[in-house]
């Protein structure tokens, strides 16, 4: 049986990221609609994305950053 161990704050790593105005507005809207903070909304969405998607090849990243 799997138990849900509560993680302490020291179990986490904090990062800083840059968002363009369009994605910042989308994150703000999503956070308001879900009644979560922007930090929690970003954490949840990033976790879900990483859990459900494979690594993006470098070639695709080059075209995204243009």
PDB file of N, CA and C in Angstrom:
ATOM      1  N   UNK A   1       0.838  -1.173   0.000  1.00  0.00           N
ATOM      2  CA  UNK A   1       0.000   0.000   0.000  1.00  0.00           C
ATOM      3  C   UNK A   1       0.892   1.247   0.000  1.00  0.00           C
ATOM      4  N   UNK A   2       0.551   2.196  -0.853  1.00  0.00           N
ATOM      5  CA  UNK A   2       1.314   3.425  -0.970  1.00  0.00           C
ATOM      6  C   UNK A   2       0.776   4.455   0.019  1.00  0.00           C
ATOM      7  N   UNK A   3       1.669   5.077   0.757  1.00  0.00           N
ATOM      8  CA  UNK A   3       1.238   6.114   1.689  1.00  0.00           C
ATOM      9  C   UNK A   3       1.630   7.475   1.151  1.00  0.00           C
ATOM     10  N   UNK A   4       0.829   8.473   1.417  1.00  0.00           N
ATOM     11  CA  UNK A   4       1.125   9.833   1.002  1.00  0.00           C
ATOM     12  C   UNK A   4       1.945  10.514   2.087  1.00  0.00           C
ATOM     13  N   UNK A   5       3.230  10.561   1.872  1.00  0.00           N
ATOM     14  CA  UNK A   5       4.121  11.213   2.821  1.00  0.00           C
ATOM     15  C   UNK A   5       4.081  12.714   2.557  1.00  0.00           C
ATOM     16  N   UNK A   6       3.830  13.464   3.584  1.00  0.00           N
ATOM     17  CA  UNK A   6       3.792  14.906   3.443  1.00  0.00           C
ATOM     18  C   UNK A   6       5.213  15.435   3.252  1.00  0.00           C
ATOM     19  N   UNK A   7       5.388  16.229   2.221  1.00  0.00           N
ATOM     20  CA  UNK A   7       6.714  16.779   1.952  1.00  0.00           C
ATOM     21  C   UNK A   7       6.897  18.086   2.719  1.00  0.00           C
ATOM     22  N   UNK A   8       8.071  18.243   3.279  1.00  0.00           N
ATOM     23  CA  UNK A   8       8.367  19.500   3.948  1.00  0.00           C
ATOM     24  C   UNK A   8       8.889  20.486   2.912  1.00  0.00           C
ATOM     25  N   UNK A   9       8.938  21.740   3.283  1.00  0.00           N
ATOM     26  CA  UNK A   9       9.402  22.780   2.374  1.00  0.00           C
ATOM     27  C   UNK A   9      10.828  22.508   1.894  1.00  0.00           C
ATOM     28  N   UNK A  10      11.638  21.857   2.714  1.00  0.00           N
ATOM     29  CA  UNK A  10      13.027  21.576   2.329  1.00  0.00           C
ATOM     30  C   UNK A  10      13.142  20.483   1.272  1.00  0.00           C
ATOM     31  N   UNK A  11      12.050  19.766   0.986  1.00  0.00           N
ATOM     32  CA  UNK A  11      12.055  18.735  -0.050  1.00  0.00           C
ATOM     33  C   UNK A  11      11.898  19.323  -1.456  1.00  0.00           C
ATOM     34  N   UNK A  12      11.604  20.601  -1.559  1.00  0.00           N
ATOM     35  CA  UNK A  12      11.337  21.251  -2.834  1.00  0.00           C
ATOM     36  C   UNK A  12      12.528  22.067  -3.303  1.00  0.00           C
ATOM     37  N   UNK A  13      12.584  22.304  -4.596  1.00  0.00           N
ATOM     38  CA  UNK A  13      13.562  23.185  -5.207  1.00  0.00           C
ATOM     39  C   UNK A  13      12.792  24.354  -5.796  1.00  0.00           C
ATOM     40  N   UNK A  14      13.273  25.543  -5.592  1.00  0.00           N
ATOM     41  CA  UNK A  14      12.620  26.727  -6.125  1.00  0.00           C
ATOM     42  C   UNK A  14      13.352  27.205  -7.367  1.00  0.00           C
ATOM     43  N   UNK A  15      12.578  27.619  -8.375  1.00  0.00           N
ATOM     44  CA  UNK A  15      13.149  28.122  -9.619  1.00  0.00           C
ATOM     45  C   UNK A  15      12.516  29.469  -9.946  1.00  0.00           C
ATOM     46  N   UNK A  16      13.194  30.216 -10.777  1.00  0.00           N
ATOM     47  CA  UNK A  16      12.666  31.476 -11.290  1.00  0.00           C
ATOM     48  C   UNK A  16      12.550  31.314 -12.794  1.00  0.00           C
ATOM     49  N   UNK A  17      11.463  31.802 -13.358  1.00  0.00           N
ATOM     50  CA  UNK A  17      11.316  31.705 -14.800  1.00  0.00           C
ATOM     51  C   UNK A  17      10.743  32.990 -15.352  1.00  0.00           C
ATOM     52  N   UNK A  18      10.897  33.137 -16.652  1.00  0.00           N
ATOM     53  CA  UNK A  18      10.431  34.333 -17.345  1.00  0.00           C
ATOM     54  C   UNK A  18       9.223  33.955 -18.201  1.00  0.00           C
ATOM     55  N   UNK A  19       8.162  34.748 -18.116  1.00  0.00           N
ATOM     56  CA  UNK A  19       6.962  34.531 -18.934  1.00  0.00           C
ATOM     57  C   UNK A  19       6.695  35.782 -19.756  1.00  0.00           C
ATOM     58  N   UNK A  20       6.249  35.575 -20.991  1.00  0.00           N
ATOM     59  CA  UNK A  20       5.833  36.726 -21.782  1.00  0.00           C
ATOM     60  C   UNK A  20       4.469  37.192 -21.271  1.00  0.00           C
ATOM     61  N   UNK A  21       4.046  38.395 -21.619  1.00  0.00           N
ATOM     62  CA  UNK A  21       2.779  38.937 -21.101  1.00  0.00           C
ATOM     63  C   UNK A  21       1.546  38.075 -21.403  1.00  0.00           C
ATOM     64  N   UNK A  22       1.523  37.437 -22.556  1.00  0.00           N
ATOM     65  CA  UNK A  22       0.366  36.609 -22.928  1.00  0.00           C
ATOM     66  C   UNK A  22       0.260  35.395 -22.005  1.00  0.00           C
ATOM     67  N   UNK A  23       1.374  34.705 -21.783  1.00  0.00           N
ATOM     68  CA  UNK A  23       1.347  33.521 -20.916  1.00  0.00           C
ATOM     69  C   UNK A  23       1.175  33.901 -19.444  1.00  0.00           C
ATOM     70  N   UNK A  24       1.690  35.052 -19.060  1.00  0.00           N
ATOM     71  CA  UNK A  24       1.472  35.522 -17.694  1.00  0.00           C
ATOM     72  C   UNK A  24      -0.013  35.779 -17.454  1.00  0.00           C
ATOM     73  N   UNK A  25      -0.672  36.408 -18.425  1.00  0.00           N
ATOM     74  CA  UNK A  25      -2.108  36.660 -18.298  1.00  0.00           C
ATOM     75  C   UNK A  25      -2.893  35.350 -18.251  1.00  0.00           C
ATOM     76  N   UNK A  26      -2.483  34.377 -19.076  1.00  0.00           N
ATOM     77  CA  UNK A  26      -3.160  33.075 -19.084  1.00  0.00           C
ATOM     78  C   UNK A  26      -2.985  32.374 -17.737  1.00  0.00           C
ATOM     79  N   UNK A  27      -1.784  32.450 -17.175  1.00  0.00           N
ATOM     80  CA  UNK A  27      -1.530  31.837 -15.873  1.00  0.00           C
ATOM     81  C   UNK A  27      -2.328  32.530 -14.779  1.00  0.00           C
ATOM     82  N   UNK A  28      -2.396  33.849 -14.837  1.00  0.00           N
ATOM     83  CA  UNK A  28      -3.173  34.615 -13.863  1.00  0.00           C
ATOM     84  C   UNK A  28      -4.649  34.239 -13.928  1.00  0.00           C
ATOM     85  N   UNK A  29      -5.180  34.133 -15.134  1.00  0.00           N
ATOM     86  CA  UNK A  29      -6.589  33.755 -15.315  1.00  0.00           C
ATOM     87  C   UNK A  29      -6.841  32.346 -14.792  1.00  0.00           C
ATOM     88  N   UNK A  30      -5.962  31.421 -15.130  1.00  0.00           N
ATOM     89  CA  UNK A  30      -6.116  30.034 -14.670  1.00  0.00           C
ATOM     90  C   UNK A  30      -6.060  29.957 -13.148  1.00  0.00           C
ATOM     91  N   UNK A  31      -5.164  30.702 -12.545  1.00  0.00           N
ATOM     92  CA  UNK A  31      -5.042  30.694 -11.084  1.00  0.00           C
ATOM     93  C   UNK A  31      -6.306  31.240 -10.428  1.00  0.00           C
ATOM     94  N   UNK A  32      -6.841  32.312 -10.973  1.00  0.00           N
ATOM     95  CA  UNK A  32      -8.088  32.882 -10.415  1.00  0.00           C
ATOM     96  C   UNK A  32      -9.247  31.891 -10.535  1.00  0.00           C
ATOM     97  N   UNK A  33      -9.365  31.274 -11.701  1.00  0.00           N
ATOM     98  CA  UNK A  33     -10.473  30.336 -11.925  1.00  0.00           C
ATOM     99  C   UNK A  33     -10.406  29.115 -11.022  1.00  0.00           C
ATOM    100  N   UNK A  34      -9.184  28.704 -10.692  1.00  0.00           N
ATOM    101  CA  UNK A  34      -9.017  27.502  -9.867  1.00  0.00           C
ATOM    102  C   UNK A  34      -8.900  27.818  -8.381  1.00  0.00           C
ATOM    103  N   UNK A  35      -8.889  29.111  -8.055  1.00  0.00           N
ATOM    104  CA  UNK A  35      -8.725  29.571  -6.667  1.00  0.00           C
ATOM    105  C   UNK A  35      -7.382  29.117  -6.075  1.00  0.00           C
ATOM    106  N   UNK A  36      -6.356  29.053  -6.956  1.00  0.00           N
ATOM    107  CA  UNK A  36      -4.998  28.748  -6.507  1.00  0.00           C
ATOM    108  C   UNK A  36      -4.144  29.993  -6.705  1.00  0.00           C
ATOM    109  N   UNK A  37      -3.016  30.031  -6.023  1.00  0.00           N
ATOM    110  CA  UNK A  37      -2.059  31.108  -6.274  1.00  0.00           C
ATOM    111  C   UNK A  37      -1.400  30.862  -7.632  1.00  0.00           C
ATOM    112  N   UNK A  38      -0.800  31.898  -8.198  1.00  0.00           N
ATOM    113  CA  UNK A  38      -0.095  31.713  -9.466  1.00  0.00           C
ATOM    114  C   UNK A  38       1.043  30.706  -9.302  1.00  0.00           C
ATOM    115  N   UNK A  39       1.725  30.749  -8.167  1.00  0.00           N
ATOM    116  CA  UNK A  39       2.822  29.810  -7.925  1.00  0.00           C
ATOM    117  C   UNK A  39       2.312  28.380  -7.927  1.00  0.00           C
ATOM    118  N   UNK A  40       1.207  28.137  -7.223  1.00  0.00           N
ATOM    119  CA  UNK A  40       0.638  26.778  -7.172  1.00  0.00           C
ATOM    120  C   UNK A  40       0.128  26.344  -8.541  1.00  0.00           C
ATOM    121  N   UNK A  41      -0.494  27.258  -9.257  1.00  0.00           N
ATOM    122  CA  UNK A  41      -1.002  26.937 -10.600  1.00  0.00           C
ATOM    123  C   UNK A  41       0.155  26.571 -11.529  1.00  0.00           C
ATOM    124  N   UNK A  42       1.229  27.348 -11.495  1.00  0.00           N
ATOM    125  CA  UNK A  42       2.395  27.061 -12.333  1.00  0.00           C
ATOM    126  C   UNK A  42       3.038  25.738 -11.934  1.00  0.00           C
ATOM    127  N   UNK A  43       3.145  25.496 -10.624  1.00  0.00           N
ATOM    128  CA  UNK A  43       3.723  24.244 -10.133  1.00  0.00           C
ATOM    129  C   UNK A  43       2.904  23.045 -10.611  1.00  0.00           C
ATOM    130  N   UNK A  44       1.594  23.132 -10.488  1.00  0.00           N
ATOM    131  CA  UNK A  44       0.720  22.043 -10.904  1.00  0.00           C
ATOM    132  C   UNK A  44       0.820  21.800 -12.404  1.00  0.00           C
ATOM    133  N   UNK A  45       0.743  22.869 -13.183  1.00  0.00           N
ATOM    134  CA  UNK A  45       0.776  22.722 -14.641  1.00  0.00           C
ATOM    135  C   UNK A  45       2.110  22.190 -15.142  1.00  0.00           C
ATOM    136  N   UNK A  46       3.206  22.656 -14.553  1.00  0.00           N
ATOM    137  CA  UNK A  46       4.512  22.143 -14.949  1.00  0.00           C
ATOM    138  C   UNK A  46       4.652  20.671 -14.581  1.00  0.00           C
ATOM    139  N   UNK A  47       4.214  20.310 -13.392  1.00  0.00           N
ATOM    140  CA  UNK A  47       4.280  18.905 -12.967  1.00  0.00           C
ATOM    141  C   UNK A  47       3.460  18.009 -13.885  1.00  0.00           C
ATOM    142  N   UNK A  48       2.236  18.428 -14.200  1.00  0.00           N
ATOM    143  CA  UNK A  48       1.388  17.634 -15.098  1.00  0.00           C
ATOM    144  C   UNK A  48       2.023  17.502 -16.482  1.00  0.00           C
ATOM    145  N   UNK A  49       2.579  18.586 -16.977  1.00  0.00           N
ATOM    146  CA  UNK A  49       3.200  18.549 -18.295  1.00  0.00           C
ATOM    147  C   UNK A  49       4.391  17.589 -18.305  1.00  0.00           C
ATOM    148  N   UNK A  50       5.247  17.692 -17.308  1.00  0.00           N
ATOM    149  CA  UNK A  50       6.435  16.832 -17.266  1.00  0.00           C
ATOM    150  C   UNK A  50       6.064  15.372 -17.059  1.00  0.00           C
ATOM    151  N   UNK A  51       4.984  15.118 -16.334  1.00  0.00           N
ATOM    152  CA  UNK A  51       4.537  13.744 -16.117  1.00  0.00           C
ATOM    153  C   UNK A  51       3.928  13.129 -17.375  1.00  0.00           C
ATOM    154  N   UNK A  52       3.399  13.964 -18.259  1.00  0.00           N
ATOM    155  CA  UNK A  52       2.645  13.451 -19.408  1.00  0.00           C
ATOM    156  C   UNK A  52       3.302  13.658 -20.766  1.00  0.00           C
ATOM    157  N   UNK A  53       4.468  14.269 -20.818  1.00  0.00           N
ATOM    158  CA  UNK A  53       5.117  14.535 -22.092  1.00  0.00           C
ATOM    159  C   UNK A  53       6.571  14.093 -22.059  1.00  0.00           C
ATOM    160  N   UNK A  54       7.032  13.664 -23.208  1.00  0.00           N
ATOM    161  CA  UNK A  54       8.425  13.255 -23.328  1.00  0.00           C
ATOM    162  C   UNK A  54       9.312  14.489 -23.490  1.00  0.00           C
ATOM    163  N   UNK A  55      10.604  14.267 -23.418  1.00  0.00           N
ATOM    164  CA  UNK A  55      11.568  15.348 -23.582  1.00  0.00           C
ATOM    165  C   UNK A  55      11.453  15.928 -24.992  1.00  0.00           C
ATOM    166  N   UNK A  56      11.503  17.245 -25.094  1.00  0.00           N
ATOM    167  CA  UNK A  56      11.422  17.926 -26.385  1.00  0.00           C
ATOM    168  C   UNK A  56      12.807  17.916 -27.025  1.00  0.00           C
ATOM    169  N   UNK A  57      12.904  17.435 -28.272  1.00  0.00           N
ATOM    170  CA  UNK A  57      14.204  17.427 -28.944  1.00  0.00           C
ATOM    171  C   UNK A  57      14.757  18.842 -29.113  1.00  0.00           C
ATOM    172  N   UNK A  58      16.079  18.964 -29.103  1.00  0.00           N
ATOM    173  CA  UNK A  58      16.746  20.258 -29.200  1.00  0.00           C
ATOM    174  C   UNK A  58      16.316  21.027 -30.444  1.00  0.00           C
ATOM    175  N   UNK A  59      16.128  20.347 -31.553  1.00  0.00           N
ATOM    176  CA  UNK A  59      15.725  21.015 -32.798  1.00  0.00           C
ATOM    177  C   UNK A  59      14.414  21.778 -32.612  1.00  0.00           C
ATOM    178  N   UNK A  60      13.464  21.172 -31.906  1.00  0.00           N
ATOM    179  CA  UNK A  60      12.181  21.829 -31.675  1.00  0.00           C
ATOM    180  C   UNK A  60      12.347  23.040 -30.764  1.00  0.00           C
ATOM    181  N   UNK A  61      13.236  22.955 -29.795  1.00  0.00           N
ATOM    182  CA  UNK A  61      13.475  24.079 -28.898  1.00  0.00           C
ATOM    183  C   UNK A  61      14.066  25.273 -29.649  1.00  0.00           C
ATOM    184  N   UNK A  62      14.935  24.993 -30.599  1.00  0.00           N
ATOM    185  CA  UNK A  62      15.532  26.088 -31.395  1.00  0.00           C
ATOM    186  C   UNK A  62      14.458  26.851 -32.152  1.00  0.00           C
ATOM    187  N   UNK A  63      13.496  26.153 -32.732  1.00  0.00           N
ATOM    188  CA  UNK A  63      12.446  26.845 -33.483  1.00  0.00           C
ATOM    189  C   UNK A  63      11.480  27.574 -32.547  1.00  0.00           C
ATOM    190  N   UNK A  64      11.320  27.073 -31.317  1.00  0.00           N
ATOM    191  CA  UNK A  64      10.426  27.718 -30.351  1.00  0.00           C
ATOM    192  C   UNK A  64      10.997  29.038 -29.861  1.00  0.00           C
ATOM    193  N   UNK A  65      12.311  29.127 -29.700  1.00  0.00           N
ATOM    194  CA  UNK A  65      12.935  30.305 -29.109  1.00  0.00           C
ATOM    195  C   UNK A  65      13.111  31.450 -30.096  1.00  0.00           C
ATOM    196  N   UNK A  66      12.751  31.254 -31.361  1.00  0.00           N
ATOM    197  CA  UNK A  66      12.902  32.329 -32.363  1.00  0.00           C
ATOM    198  C   UNK A  66      11.781  33.319 -32.277  1.00  0.00           C
TER     199      UNK A  66
END
